Amino acid sequence: MPPFRIALTGGIASGKTTVADLFADLGVPVIDTDLIAREVVEPGQPALAKVVEAFGRDVLDAEGRLDRRRMRERIFGDPDARLRLEAILHPAIRAEMERQSRAAGGAYQVLVIPLFAEGRRRDHVDRVLLVDAPEDLQVERLMRRDGVTSEQARASLNAQATRAERLAMADDIVQNTGHVQDLRAAVAGLHEKYRRLAAGM
C-alpha cells in the first residue's frame, strides 16, 4: 500500500521551497519533482536522449547538458513543442518520483509538484496543499529573485494555472505573505493533521 501523500503546490515564487523545507525540518520525507526534472535530463539519462532525438542537438550546451534557456525559448509560444517535451519528461519524472516515494518511508510524504493544477490529475496523492500568495507579492518576489521586469514576471504568472484554479483544487491552504514564523506555525499544525490522517488510512 502506498504511503499517505500530500501534493505541495503553488504558483511561481509563492514560497513552496520554504514550506517544503519546514516539513523536512520535522522529519517528513520530501520528494521534489523540480529536482527530479533536472536529474532525468542529466547526460546519459534516457530522457535526455529522447529530447535530443525530438528537438535536435542544438538544445545541448557545449558540455552535452540540456541548455534549459534554449529549450524554454524553443517551446515558448509553441504548444505542440511543449506537449512533445512533456510527453517525454513527465513519464520519466513520474517513474522516478514513485521510485523515491517507495524508498522514502515515513508516516506521510510531501511531494513538491509545482505544476499540479496544470496536470489536472490527483489519483496519485491523498491531499493537495497549496502555498498561496497575492499575485502582486509573487511579481515582487520574482523581480527580486530573477532580476526580471514587472512585465516578464507577470508573463511567467500568466503561463501557469490561475490562482483561482489552484484555490479550487486545494484541500489545505497556507498563506505565505512573507513571515516565516507564521509559516512554521501553519506547517506544525498541518504536520499533526497529516499524521492523524495517515494513521487512519
N, C-alpha and C. Protein backbone atom coordinates (compact mmCIF):
# COMPACT_ATOMS: atom_id res chain seq x y z
N MET A 1 0.85 -1.20 0.00
CA MET A 1 0.00 0.00 0.00
C MET A 1 0.89 1.25 0.00
N PRO A 2 0.63 2.21 -0.92
CA PRO A 2 1.48 3.40 -0.96
C PRO A 2 1.30 4.25 0.29
N PRO A 3 2.30 5.05 0.65
CA PRO A 3 2.19 5.91 1.83
C PRO A 3 1.17 7.03 1.60
N PHE A 4 0.73 7.63 2.69
CA PHE A 4 -0.15 8.80 2.62
C PHE A 4 0.66 9.94 2.01
N ARG A 5 0.13 10.54 0.94
CA ARG A 5 0.94 11.50 0.20
C ARG A 5 0.21 12.84 0.03
N ILE A 6 0.97 13.90 0.27
CA ILE A 6 0.47 15.26 0.14
C ILE A 6 1.15 15.90 -1.06
N ALA A 7 0.37 16.41 -2.01
CA ALA A 7 0.95 17.20 -3.10
C ALA A 7 1.08 18.63 -2.61
N LEU A 8 2.29 19.13 -2.60
CA LEU A 8 2.56 20.52 -2.23
C LEU A 8 2.74 21.32 -3.52
N THR A 9 1.88 22.32 -3.73
CA THR A 9 1.93 23.06 -4.98
C THR A 9 1.72 24.55 -4.71
N GLY A 10 1.83 25.33 -5.76
CA GLY A 10 1.67 26.78 -5.64
C GLY A 10 2.26 27.44 -6.87
N GLY A 11 1.87 28.67 -7.10
CA GLY A 11 2.38 29.40 -8.24
C GLY A 11 3.85 29.74 -8.09
N ILE A 12 4.44 30.25 -9.14
CA ILE A 12 5.84 30.62 -9.13
C ILE A 12 6.09 31.69 -8.06
N ALA A 13 7.16 31.53 -7.30
CA ALA A 13 7.55 32.49 -6.25
C ALA A 13 6.50 32.62 -5.14
N SER A 14 5.75 31.53 -4.92
CA SER A 14 4.75 31.57 -3.83
C SER A 14 5.37 31.17 -2.48
N GLY A 15 6.50 30.44 -2.53
CA GLY A 15 7.16 30.02 -1.30
C GLY A 15 7.11 28.52 -1.05
N LYS A 16 6.95 27.74 -2.12
CA LYS A 16 6.86 26.28 -1.98
C LYS A 16 8.11 25.69 -1.33
N THR A 17 9.28 26.17 -1.74
CA THR A 17 10.53 25.62 -1.22
C THR A 17 10.64 25.85 0.28
N THR A 18 10.26 27.04 0.72
CA THR A 18 10.32 27.35 2.16
C THR A 18 9.42 26.40 2.94
N VAL A 19 8.21 26.19 2.45
CA VAL A 19 7.26 25.30 3.13
C VAL A 19 7.78 23.86 3.11
N ALA A 20 8.31 23.42 1.97
CA ALA A 20 8.85 22.06 1.87
C ALA A 20 10.00 21.88 2.87
N ASP A 21 10.85 22.89 3.00
CA ASP A 21 11.97 22.81 3.94
C ASP A 21 11.47 22.70 5.38
N LEU A 22 10.37 23.38 5.70
CA LEU A 22 9.81 23.32 7.06
C LEU A 22 9.28 21.92 7.36
N PHE A 23 8.66 21.28 6.38
CA PHE A 23 8.23 19.89 6.57
C PHE A 23 9.45 18.98 6.75
N ALA A 24 10.48 19.21 5.93
CA ALA A 24 11.70 18.39 6.04
C ALA A 24 12.33 18.55 7.42
N ASP A 25 12.29 19.76 7.97
CA ASP A 25 12.83 20.01 9.31
C ASP A 25 12.12 19.18 10.38
N LEU A 26 10.86 18.82 10.09
CA LEU A 26 10.08 18.00 11.02
C LEU A 26 10.29 16.49 10.78
N GLY A 27 11.19 16.18 9.86
CA GLY A 27 11.49 14.77 9.59
C GLY A 27 10.60 14.12 8.55
N VAL A 28 9.81 14.93 7.85
CA VAL A 28 8.91 14.39 6.83
C VAL A 28 9.69 14.17 5.53
N PRO A 29 9.56 12.99 4.91
CA PRO A 29 10.20 12.80 3.60
C PRO A 29 9.60 13.76 2.57
N VAL A 30 10.46 14.51 1.90
CA VAL A 30 10.04 15.46 0.86
C VAL A 30 10.65 15.03 -0.46
N ILE A 31 9.79 14.87 -1.45
CA ILE A 31 10.24 14.46 -2.79
C ILE A 31 9.89 15.61 -3.74
N ASP A 32 10.91 16.21 -4.33
CA ASP A 32 10.74 17.43 -5.12
C ASP A 32 10.82 17.11 -6.60
N THR A 33 9.71 17.27 -7.32
CA THR A 33 9.71 16.91 -8.74
C THR A 33 10.52 17.91 -9.58
N ASP A 34 10.75 19.12 -9.06
CA ASP A 34 11.64 20.05 -9.76
C ASP A 34 13.06 19.50 -9.81
N LEU A 35 13.52 18.95 -8.67
CA LEU A 35 14.85 18.34 -8.64
C LEU A 35 14.90 17.11 -9.53
N ILE A 36 13.84 16.31 -9.49
CA ILE A 36 13.78 15.11 -10.33
C ILE A 36 13.82 15.50 -11.81
N ALA A 37 13.12 16.59 -12.16
CA ALA A 37 13.08 17.04 -13.55
C ALA A 37 14.48 17.37 -14.06
N ARG A 38 15.34 17.85 -13.16
CA ARG A 38 16.73 18.12 -13.54
C ARG A 38 17.53 16.82 -13.66
N GLU A 39 17.25 15.89 -12.73
CA GLU A 39 18.01 14.63 -12.73
C GLU A 39 17.75 13.80 -13.98
N VAL A 40 16.49 13.78 -14.44
CA VAL A 40 16.16 12.88 -15.56
C VAL A 40 16.72 13.35 -16.89
N VAL A 41 17.22 14.60 -16.94
CA VAL A 41 17.84 15.06 -18.19
C VAL A 41 19.35 15.27 -18.04
N GLU A 42 19.93 14.65 -17.02
CA GLU A 42 21.39 14.65 -16.90
C GLU A 42 21.98 13.84 -18.06
N PRO A 43 23.22 14.16 -18.47
CA PRO A 43 23.86 13.36 -19.53
C PRO A 43 23.85 11.87 -19.19
N GLY A 44 23.50 11.07 -20.19
CA GLY A 44 23.46 9.62 -20.00
C GLY A 44 22.07 9.10 -19.66
N GLN A 45 21.16 10.00 -19.30
CA GLN A 45 19.80 9.56 -18.95
C GLN A 45 18.98 9.35 -20.23
N PRO A 46 18.12 8.32 -20.24
CA PRO A 46 17.32 8.04 -21.45
C PRO A 46 16.45 9.22 -21.88
N ALA A 47 15.91 9.97 -20.92
CA ALA A 47 15.02 11.08 -21.27
C ALA A 47 15.77 12.15 -22.07
N LEU A 48 17.04 12.40 -21.72
CA LEU A 48 17.81 13.40 -22.46
C LEU A 48 18.01 12.95 -23.91
N ALA A 49 18.31 11.67 -24.09
CA ALA A 49 18.48 11.14 -25.46
C ALA A 49 17.19 11.33 -26.27
N LYS A 50 16.05 11.13 -25.63
CA LYS A 50 14.77 11.31 -26.34
C LYS A 50 14.51 12.77 -26.68
N VAL A 51 14.91 13.67 -25.76
CA VAL A 51 14.74 15.11 -26.03
C VAL A 51 15.59 15.51 -27.23
N VAL A 52 16.83 15.02 -27.28
CA VAL A 52 17.73 15.34 -28.41
C VAL A 52 17.16 14.77 -29.70
N GLU A 53 16.62 13.56 -29.63
CA GLU A 53 16.03 12.92 -30.81
C GLU A 53 14.85 13.75 -31.33
N ALA A 54 14.06 14.32 -30.41
CA ALA A 54 12.86 15.07 -30.79
C ALA A 54 13.17 16.49 -31.24
N PHE A 55 14.20 17.12 -30.62
CA PHE A 55 14.42 18.55 -30.84
C PHE A 55 15.76 18.90 -31.48
N GLY A 56 16.65 17.92 -31.60
CA GLY A 56 17.95 18.19 -32.23
C GLY A 56 19.03 18.49 -31.21
N ARG A 57 20.29 18.36 -31.65
CA ARG A 57 21.43 18.51 -30.74
C ARG A 57 21.65 19.95 -30.30
N ASP A 58 21.00 20.92 -30.97
CA ASP A 58 21.23 22.31 -30.58
C ASP A 58 20.55 22.69 -29.28
N VAL A 59 19.81 21.74 -28.66
CA VAL A 59 19.26 22.02 -27.33
C VAL A 59 20.28 21.66 -26.23
N LEU A 60 21.46 21.18 -26.64
CA LEU A 60 22.52 20.86 -25.69
C LEU A 60 23.53 22.00 -25.64
N ASP A 61 24.16 22.16 -24.47
CA ASP A 61 25.24 23.14 -24.37
C ASP A 61 26.55 22.48 -24.76
N ALA A 62 27.66 23.20 -24.62
CA ALA A 62 28.96 22.70 -25.06
C ALA A 62 29.41 21.46 -24.30
N GLU A 63 28.88 21.27 -23.09
CA GLU A 63 29.26 20.10 -22.28
C GLU A 63 28.31 18.92 -22.45
N GLY A 64 27.35 19.05 -23.36
CA GLY A 64 26.41 17.95 -23.60
C GLY A 64 25.25 17.91 -22.63
N ARG A 65 25.04 19.00 -21.88
CA ARG A 65 23.91 19.08 -20.96
C ARG A 65 22.76 19.83 -21.64
N LEU A 66 21.56 19.60 -21.14
CA LEU A 66 20.41 20.31 -21.70
C LEU A 66 20.56 21.81 -21.43
N ASP A 67 20.47 22.60 -22.48
CA ASP A 67 20.50 24.06 -22.35
C ASP A 67 19.06 24.51 -22.05
N ARG A 68 18.79 24.72 -20.78
CA ARG A 68 17.40 24.97 -20.36
C ARG A 68 16.83 26.24 -20.98
N ARG A 69 17.67 27.27 -21.04
CA ARG A 69 17.18 28.53 -21.61
C ARG A 69 16.79 28.34 -23.08
N ARG A 70 17.64 27.65 -23.83
CA ARG A 70 17.34 27.41 -25.24
C ARG A 70 16.09 26.54 -25.40
N MET A 71 15.97 25.55 -24.49
CA MET A 71 14.80 24.68 -24.56
C MET A 71 13.52 25.48 -24.26
N ARG A 72 13.61 26.36 -23.25
CA ARG A 72 12.44 27.21 -22.92
C ARG A 72 12.05 28.09 -24.10
N GLU A 73 13.09 28.65 -24.75
CA GLU A 73 12.81 29.50 -25.91
C GLU A 73 12.16 28.70 -27.04
N ARG A 74 12.59 27.45 -27.18
CA ARG A 74 12.06 26.59 -28.25
C ARG A 74 10.57 26.31 -28.05
N ILE A 75 10.17 26.09 -26.79
CA ILE A 75 8.77 25.70 -26.56
C ILE A 75 7.86 26.89 -26.23
N PHE A 76 8.47 28.05 -25.94
CA PHE A 76 7.66 29.21 -25.57
C PHE A 76 6.81 29.63 -26.77
N GLY A 77 5.51 29.69 -26.57
CA GLY A 77 4.62 30.09 -27.65
C GLY A 77 4.37 29.00 -28.68
N ASP A 78 4.87 27.78 -28.43
CA ASP A 78 4.66 26.66 -29.36
C ASP A 78 4.05 25.50 -28.58
N PRO A 79 2.72 25.48 -28.45
CA PRO A 79 2.06 24.45 -27.64
C PRO A 79 2.41 23.02 -28.07
N ASP A 80 2.57 22.80 -29.39
CA ASP A 80 2.88 21.44 -29.87
C ASP A 80 4.25 21.00 -29.36
N ALA A 81 5.22 21.91 -29.41
CA ALA A 81 6.57 21.58 -28.94
C ALA A 81 6.54 21.32 -27.44
N ARG A 82 5.78 22.13 -26.71
CA ARG A 82 5.69 21.94 -25.25
C ARG A 82 5.09 20.58 -24.93
N LEU A 83 4.03 20.21 -25.66
CA LEU A 83 3.40 18.91 -25.42
C LEU A 83 4.34 17.76 -25.75
N ARG A 84 5.14 17.93 -26.82
CA ARG A 84 6.12 16.90 -27.19
C ARG A 84 7.14 16.72 -26.07
N LEU A 85 7.61 17.85 -25.52
CA LEU A 85 8.59 17.78 -24.43
C LEU A 85 7.97 17.13 -23.20
N GLU A 86 6.75 17.53 -22.86
CA GLU A 86 6.08 16.97 -21.67
C GLU A 86 5.86 15.47 -21.83
N ALA A 87 5.54 15.04 -23.04
CA ALA A 87 5.30 13.60 -23.29
C ALA A 87 6.56 12.78 -23.04
N ILE A 88 7.73 13.42 -23.20
CA ILE A 88 9.00 12.74 -22.91
C ILE A 88 9.32 12.79 -21.41
N LEU A 89 9.20 13.99 -20.85
CA LEU A 89 9.69 14.20 -19.48
C LEU A 89 8.73 13.69 -18.40
N HIS A 90 7.43 13.91 -18.57
CA HIS A 90 6.51 13.60 -17.48
C HIS A 90 6.53 12.13 -17.07
N PRO A 91 6.53 11.17 -18.01
CA PRO A 91 6.60 9.76 -17.57
C PRO A 91 7.90 9.46 -16.81
N ALA A 92 9.01 10.05 -17.25
CA ALA A 92 10.29 9.81 -16.58
C ALA A 92 10.28 10.41 -15.18
N ILE A 93 9.72 11.60 -15.05
CA ILE A 93 9.63 12.25 -13.73
C ILE A 93 8.72 11.45 -12.81
N ARG A 94 7.58 11.02 -13.35
CA ARG A 94 6.61 10.26 -12.55
C ARG A 94 7.23 8.95 -12.05
N ALA A 95 7.94 8.25 -12.93
CA ALA A 95 8.55 6.97 -12.55
C ALA A 95 9.59 7.16 -11.44
N GLU A 96 10.42 8.21 -11.56
CA GLU A 96 11.43 8.46 -10.54
C GLU A 96 10.80 8.92 -9.24
N MET A 97 9.74 9.71 -9.32
CA MET A 97 9.02 10.13 -8.12
C MET A 97 8.47 8.92 -7.37
N GLU A 98 7.88 7.99 -8.11
CA GLU A 98 7.33 6.78 -7.49
C GLU A 98 8.45 5.94 -6.86
N ARG A 99 9.58 5.86 -7.55
CA ARG A 99 10.71 5.08 -7.01
C ARG A 99 11.18 5.69 -5.70
N GLN A 100 11.35 7.02 -5.68
CA GLN A 100 11.80 7.70 -4.46
C GLN A 100 10.76 7.58 -3.34
N SER A 101 9.50 7.66 -3.71
CA SER A 101 8.43 7.56 -2.71
C SER A 101 8.44 6.19 -2.04
N ARG A 102 8.59 5.13 -2.84
CA ARG A 102 8.61 3.77 -2.27
C ARG A 102 9.78 3.61 -1.31
N ALA A 103 10.91 4.26 -1.61
CA ALA A 103 12.10 4.09 -0.79
C ALA A 103 12.11 4.99 0.45
N ALA A 104 11.27 6.03 0.46
CA ALA A 104 11.40 7.08 1.48
C ALA A 104 10.75 6.74 2.82
N GLY A 105 9.69 5.94 2.82
CA GLY A 105 9.01 5.62 4.09
C GLY A 105 8.35 6.85 4.69
N GLY A 106 8.26 6.85 6.04
CA GLY A 106 7.67 7.99 6.74
C GLY A 106 6.19 7.77 7.03
N ALA A 107 5.69 8.49 8.06
CA ALA A 107 4.26 8.41 8.39
C ALA A 107 3.42 8.96 7.24
N TYR A 108 3.94 10.00 6.59
CA TYR A 108 3.36 10.53 5.36
C TYR A 108 4.48 11.21 4.59
N GLN A 109 4.21 11.54 3.33
CA GLN A 109 5.23 12.15 2.48
C GLN A 109 4.68 13.42 1.83
N VAL A 110 5.58 14.36 1.55
CA VAL A 110 5.23 15.57 0.81
C VAL A 110 5.87 15.48 -0.57
N LEU A 111 5.05 15.57 -1.60
CA LEU A 111 5.53 15.58 -2.98
C LEU A 111 5.41 17.00 -3.50
N VAL A 112 6.53 17.65 -3.79
CA VAL A 112 6.50 19.01 -4.31
C VAL A 112 6.25 18.94 -5.81
N ILE A 113 5.06 19.41 -6.24
CA ILE A 113 4.66 19.33 -7.65
C ILE A 113 4.18 20.72 -8.08
N PRO A 114 5.10 21.58 -8.56
CA PRO A 114 4.73 22.95 -8.88
C PRO A 114 3.57 23.06 -9.87
N LEU A 115 3.54 22.20 -10.89
CA LEU A 115 2.52 22.33 -11.93
C LEU A 115 1.37 21.34 -11.72
N PHE A 116 1.04 21.09 -10.46
CA PHE A 116 -0.02 20.11 -10.15
C PHE A 116 -1.35 20.52 -10.78
N ALA A 117 -1.71 21.80 -10.67
CA ALA A 117 -3.00 22.26 -11.20
C ALA A 117 -3.05 22.09 -12.72
N GLU A 118 -1.90 22.31 -13.38
CA GLU A 118 -1.87 22.18 -14.83
C GLU A 118 -2.05 20.74 -15.27
N GLY A 119 -1.56 19.79 -14.44
CA GLY A 119 -1.66 18.37 -14.79
C GLY A 119 -3.07 17.81 -14.63
N ARG A 120 -3.85 18.43 -13.75
CA ARG A 120 -5.26 18.05 -13.52
C ARG A 120 -5.44 16.57 -13.15
N ARG A 121 -4.43 15.98 -12.50
CA ARG A 121 -4.56 14.60 -12.02
C ARG A 121 -4.27 14.59 -10.54
N ARG A 122 -5.07 13.85 -9.79
CA ARG A 122 -4.77 13.76 -8.36
C ARG A 122 -4.95 12.34 -7.84
N ASP A 123 -4.94 11.38 -8.76
CA ASP A 123 -5.16 9.99 -8.34
C ASP A 123 -3.96 9.41 -7.59
N HIS A 124 -2.79 10.08 -7.64
CA HIS A 124 -1.59 9.53 -7.00
C HIS A 124 -1.30 10.21 -5.66
N VAL A 125 -2.18 11.09 -5.20
CA VAL A 125 -1.98 11.75 -3.90
C VAL A 125 -3.27 11.70 -3.09
N ASP A 126 -3.13 11.89 -1.77
CA ASP A 126 -4.29 11.85 -0.89
C ASP A 126 -4.86 13.23 -0.59
N ARG A 127 -3.97 14.23 -0.57
CA ARG A 127 -4.42 15.60 -0.32
C ARG A 127 -3.56 16.57 -1.12
N VAL A 128 -4.11 17.78 -1.32
CA VAL A 128 -3.39 18.83 -2.03
C VAL A 128 -3.23 20.02 -1.09
N LEU A 129 -1.97 20.41 -0.87
CA LEU A 129 -1.65 21.57 -0.04
C LEU A 129 -1.15 22.69 -0.94
N LEU A 130 -1.85 23.81 -0.92
CA LEU A 130 -1.49 24.96 -1.75
C LEU A 130 -0.78 26.01 -0.91
N VAL A 131 0.39 26.44 -1.40
CA VAL A 131 1.04 27.62 -0.83
C VAL A 131 0.56 28.80 -1.66
N ASP A 132 -0.17 29.69 -1.01
CA ASP A 132 -0.82 30.79 -1.73
C ASP A 132 -0.19 32.12 -1.34
N ALA A 133 -0.09 33.01 -2.32
CA ALA A 133 0.41 34.36 -2.07
C ALA A 133 -0.29 35.30 -3.04
N PRO A 134 -0.52 36.55 -2.63
CA PRO A 134 -1.12 37.52 -3.56
C PRO A 134 -0.24 37.69 -4.80
N GLU A 135 -0.87 37.87 -5.95
CA GLU A 135 -0.11 37.94 -7.20
C GLU A 135 0.89 39.09 -7.22
N ASP A 136 0.52 40.21 -6.64
CA ASP A 136 1.46 41.34 -6.61
C ASP A 136 2.73 40.98 -5.84
N LEU A 137 2.56 40.18 -4.79
CA LEU A 137 3.71 39.75 -4.00
C LEU A 137 4.56 38.76 -4.80
N GLN A 138 3.92 37.87 -5.55
CA GLN A 138 4.66 36.94 -6.41
C GLN A 138 5.50 37.71 -7.44
N VAL A 139 4.88 38.73 -8.03
CA VAL A 139 5.59 39.55 -9.03
C VAL A 139 6.81 40.21 -8.39
N GLU A 140 6.60 40.78 -7.22
CA GLU A 140 7.69 41.46 -6.50
C GLU A 140 8.83 40.49 -6.21
N ARG A 141 8.47 39.28 -5.72
CA ARG A 141 9.49 38.28 -5.41
C ARG A 141 10.24 37.82 -6.66
N LEU A 142 9.51 37.62 -7.75
CA LEU A 142 10.14 37.18 -9.00
C LEU A 142 11.11 38.22 -9.52
N MET A 143 10.70 39.49 -9.46
CA MET A 143 11.57 40.57 -9.93
C MET A 143 12.87 40.58 -9.12
N ARG A 144 12.72 40.39 -7.80
CA ARG A 144 13.89 40.42 -6.92
C ARG A 144 14.76 39.17 -7.12
N ARG A 145 14.10 38.01 -7.24
CA ARG A 145 14.82 36.74 -7.32
C ARG A 145 15.53 36.55 -8.66
N ASP A 146 14.80 36.86 -9.75
CA ASP A 146 15.31 36.53 -11.09
C ASP A 146 15.82 37.75 -11.86
N GLY A 147 15.67 38.94 -11.27
CA GLY A 147 16.14 40.14 -11.96
C GLY A 147 15.38 40.44 -13.24
N VAL A 148 14.06 40.15 -13.22
CA VAL A 148 13.23 40.38 -14.41
C VAL A 148 12.38 41.63 -14.21
N THR A 149 11.80 42.09 -15.31
CA THR A 149 10.90 43.25 -15.23
C THR A 149 9.53 42.82 -14.72
N SER A 150 8.73 43.78 -14.36
CA SER A 150 7.35 43.51 -13.92
C SER A 150 6.57 42.78 -15.02
N GLU A 151 6.77 43.21 -16.27
CA GLU A 151 6.04 42.58 -17.39
C GLU A 151 6.47 41.12 -17.56
N GLN A 152 7.77 40.87 -17.45
CA GLN A 152 8.27 39.49 -17.59
C GLN A 152 7.75 38.61 -16.45
N ALA A 153 7.72 39.17 -15.24
CA ALA A 153 7.22 38.42 -14.09
C ALA A 153 5.75 38.07 -14.28
N ARG A 154 4.96 39.04 -14.73
CA ARG A 154 3.53 38.77 -14.95
C ARG A 154 3.31 37.76 -16.08
N ALA A 155 4.18 37.79 -17.09
CA ALA A 155 4.08 36.80 -18.17
C ALA A 155 4.32 35.40 -17.63
N SER A 156 5.27 35.27 -16.70
CA SER A 156 5.54 33.96 -16.08
C SER A 156 4.32 33.48 -15.30
N LEU A 157 3.68 34.39 -14.57
CA LEU A 157 2.48 34.05 -13.82
C LEU A 157 1.36 33.62 -14.76
N ASN A 158 1.21 34.37 -15.85
CA ASN A 158 0.11 34.09 -16.78
C ASN A 158 0.29 32.79 -17.54
N ALA A 159 1.52 32.26 -17.57
CA ALA A 159 1.78 30.99 -18.26
C ALA A 159 1.35 29.79 -17.41
N GLN A 160 1.02 30.04 -16.13
CA GLN A 160 0.62 28.95 -15.24
C GLN A 160 -0.89 28.97 -15.02
N ALA A 161 -1.37 27.96 -14.29
CA ALA A 161 -2.77 27.96 -13.89
C ALA A 161 -3.07 29.23 -13.08
N THR A 162 -4.31 29.64 -13.09
CA THR A 162 -4.66 30.86 -12.36
C THR A 162 -4.72 30.56 -10.86
N ARG A 163 -4.63 31.62 -10.08
CA ARG A 163 -4.73 31.48 -8.63
C ARG A 163 -6.07 30.84 -8.27
N ALA A 164 -7.14 31.26 -8.95
CA ALA A 164 -8.48 30.71 -8.67
C ALA A 164 -8.53 29.21 -8.94
N GLU A 165 -7.89 28.77 -10.03
CA GLU A 165 -7.87 27.33 -10.35
C GLU A 165 -7.14 26.55 -9.27
N ARG A 166 -6.03 27.09 -8.78
CA ARG A 166 -5.29 26.39 -7.72
C ARG A 166 -6.10 26.36 -6.43
N LEU A 167 -6.71 27.48 -6.07
CA LEU A 167 -7.51 27.52 -4.84
C LEU A 167 -8.65 26.52 -4.89
N ALA A 168 -9.24 26.35 -6.07
CA ALA A 168 -10.40 25.47 -6.22
C ALA A 168 -10.05 24.00 -5.99
N MET A 169 -8.78 23.61 -6.25
CA MET A 169 -8.43 22.19 -6.12
C MET A 169 -7.68 21.87 -4.84
N ALA A 170 -7.47 22.87 -3.99
CA ALA A 170 -6.69 22.65 -2.77
C ALA A 170 -7.56 22.10 -1.64
N ASP A 171 -7.01 21.13 -0.90
CA ASP A 171 -7.66 20.66 0.33
C ASP A 171 -7.23 21.51 1.52
N ASP A 172 -5.98 21.96 1.49
CA ASP A 172 -5.41 22.78 2.57
C ASP A 172 -4.67 23.94 1.92
N ILE A 173 -4.69 25.09 2.59
CA ILE A 173 -4.05 26.29 2.04
C ILE A 173 -3.18 26.94 3.12
N VAL A 174 -1.94 27.24 2.74
CA VAL A 174 -1.05 28.02 3.61
C VAL A 174 -0.86 29.38 2.94
N GLN A 175 -1.20 30.44 3.65
CA GLN A 175 -0.98 31.78 3.13
C GLN A 175 0.46 32.19 3.42
N ASN A 176 1.19 32.57 2.39
CA ASN A 176 2.58 32.98 2.58
C ASN A 176 2.75 34.44 2.20
N THR A 177 2.66 35.29 3.19
CA THR A 177 2.86 36.72 2.94
C THR A 177 4.23 37.18 3.42
N GLY A 178 5.10 36.21 3.73
CA GLY A 178 6.49 36.56 3.97
C GLY A 178 6.98 36.44 5.40
N HIS A 179 6.12 35.99 6.32
CA HIS A 179 6.56 35.85 7.71
C HIS A 179 6.83 34.37 8.01
N VAL A 180 8.10 34.02 8.17
CA VAL A 180 8.47 32.61 8.33
C VAL A 180 7.88 32.03 9.60
N GLN A 181 7.76 32.83 10.67
CA GLN A 181 7.20 32.28 11.91
C GLN A 181 5.74 31.85 11.71
N ASP A 182 5.00 32.61 10.88
CA ASP A 182 3.62 32.22 10.58
C ASP A 182 3.59 30.91 9.79
N LEU A 183 4.50 30.80 8.81
CA LEU A 183 4.58 29.57 8.03
C LEU A 183 4.93 28.38 8.91
N ARG A 184 5.88 28.59 9.81
CA ARG A 184 6.31 27.49 10.70
C ARG A 184 5.14 27.00 11.55
N ALA A 185 4.35 27.93 12.06
CA ALA A 185 3.19 27.55 12.88
C ALA A 185 2.15 26.81 12.04
N ALA A 186 1.93 27.28 10.82
CA ALA A 186 0.95 26.63 9.94
C ALA A 186 1.39 25.22 9.59
N VAL A 187 2.68 25.05 9.29
CA VAL A 187 3.21 23.73 8.93
C VAL A 187 3.15 22.79 10.13
N ALA A 188 3.44 23.29 11.33
CA ALA A 188 3.36 22.44 12.53
C ALA A 188 1.93 21.92 12.72
N GLY A 189 0.94 22.78 12.49
CA GLY A 189 -0.46 22.35 12.61
C GLY A 189 -0.82 21.32 11.56
N LEU A 190 -0.37 21.54 10.33
CA LEU A 190 -0.65 20.58 9.26
C LEU A 190 0.06 19.25 9.51
N HIS A 191 1.24 19.32 10.07
CA HIS A 191 2.01 18.10 10.36
C HIS A 191 1.20 17.18 11.29
N GLU A 192 0.62 17.75 12.34
CA GLU A 192 -0.20 16.95 13.25
C GLU A 192 -1.43 16.41 12.54
N LYS A 193 -2.06 17.25 11.74
CA LYS A 193 -3.25 16.83 10.99
C LYS A 193 -2.93 15.67 10.04
N TYR A 194 -1.82 15.78 9.30
CA TYR A 194 -1.48 14.76 8.33
C TYR A 194 -1.06 13.46 9.01
N ARG A 195 -0.41 13.57 10.18
CA ARG A 195 -0.07 12.34 10.91
C ARG A 195 -1.34 11.61 11.36
N ARG A 196 -2.32 12.36 11.81
CA ARG A 196 -3.61 11.73 12.20
C ARG A 196 -4.30 11.10 11.01
N LEU A 197 -4.33 11.84 9.90
CA LEU A 197 -4.99 11.31 8.70
C LEU A 197 -4.28 10.05 8.19
N ALA A 198 -2.95 10.08 8.21
CA ALA A 198 -2.18 8.93 7.74
C ALA A 198 -2.41 7.71 8.61
N ALA A 199 -2.52 7.95 9.92
CA ALA A 199 -2.73 6.85 10.86
C ALA A 199 -4.10 6.21 10.66
N GLY A 200 -5.04 7.00 10.16
CA GLY A 200 -6.41 6.49 9.98
C GLY A 200 -6.70 6.01 8.57
N MET A 201 -5.65 5.88 7.75
CA MET A 201 -5.84 5.43 6.36
C MET A 201 -6.61 4.13 6.28
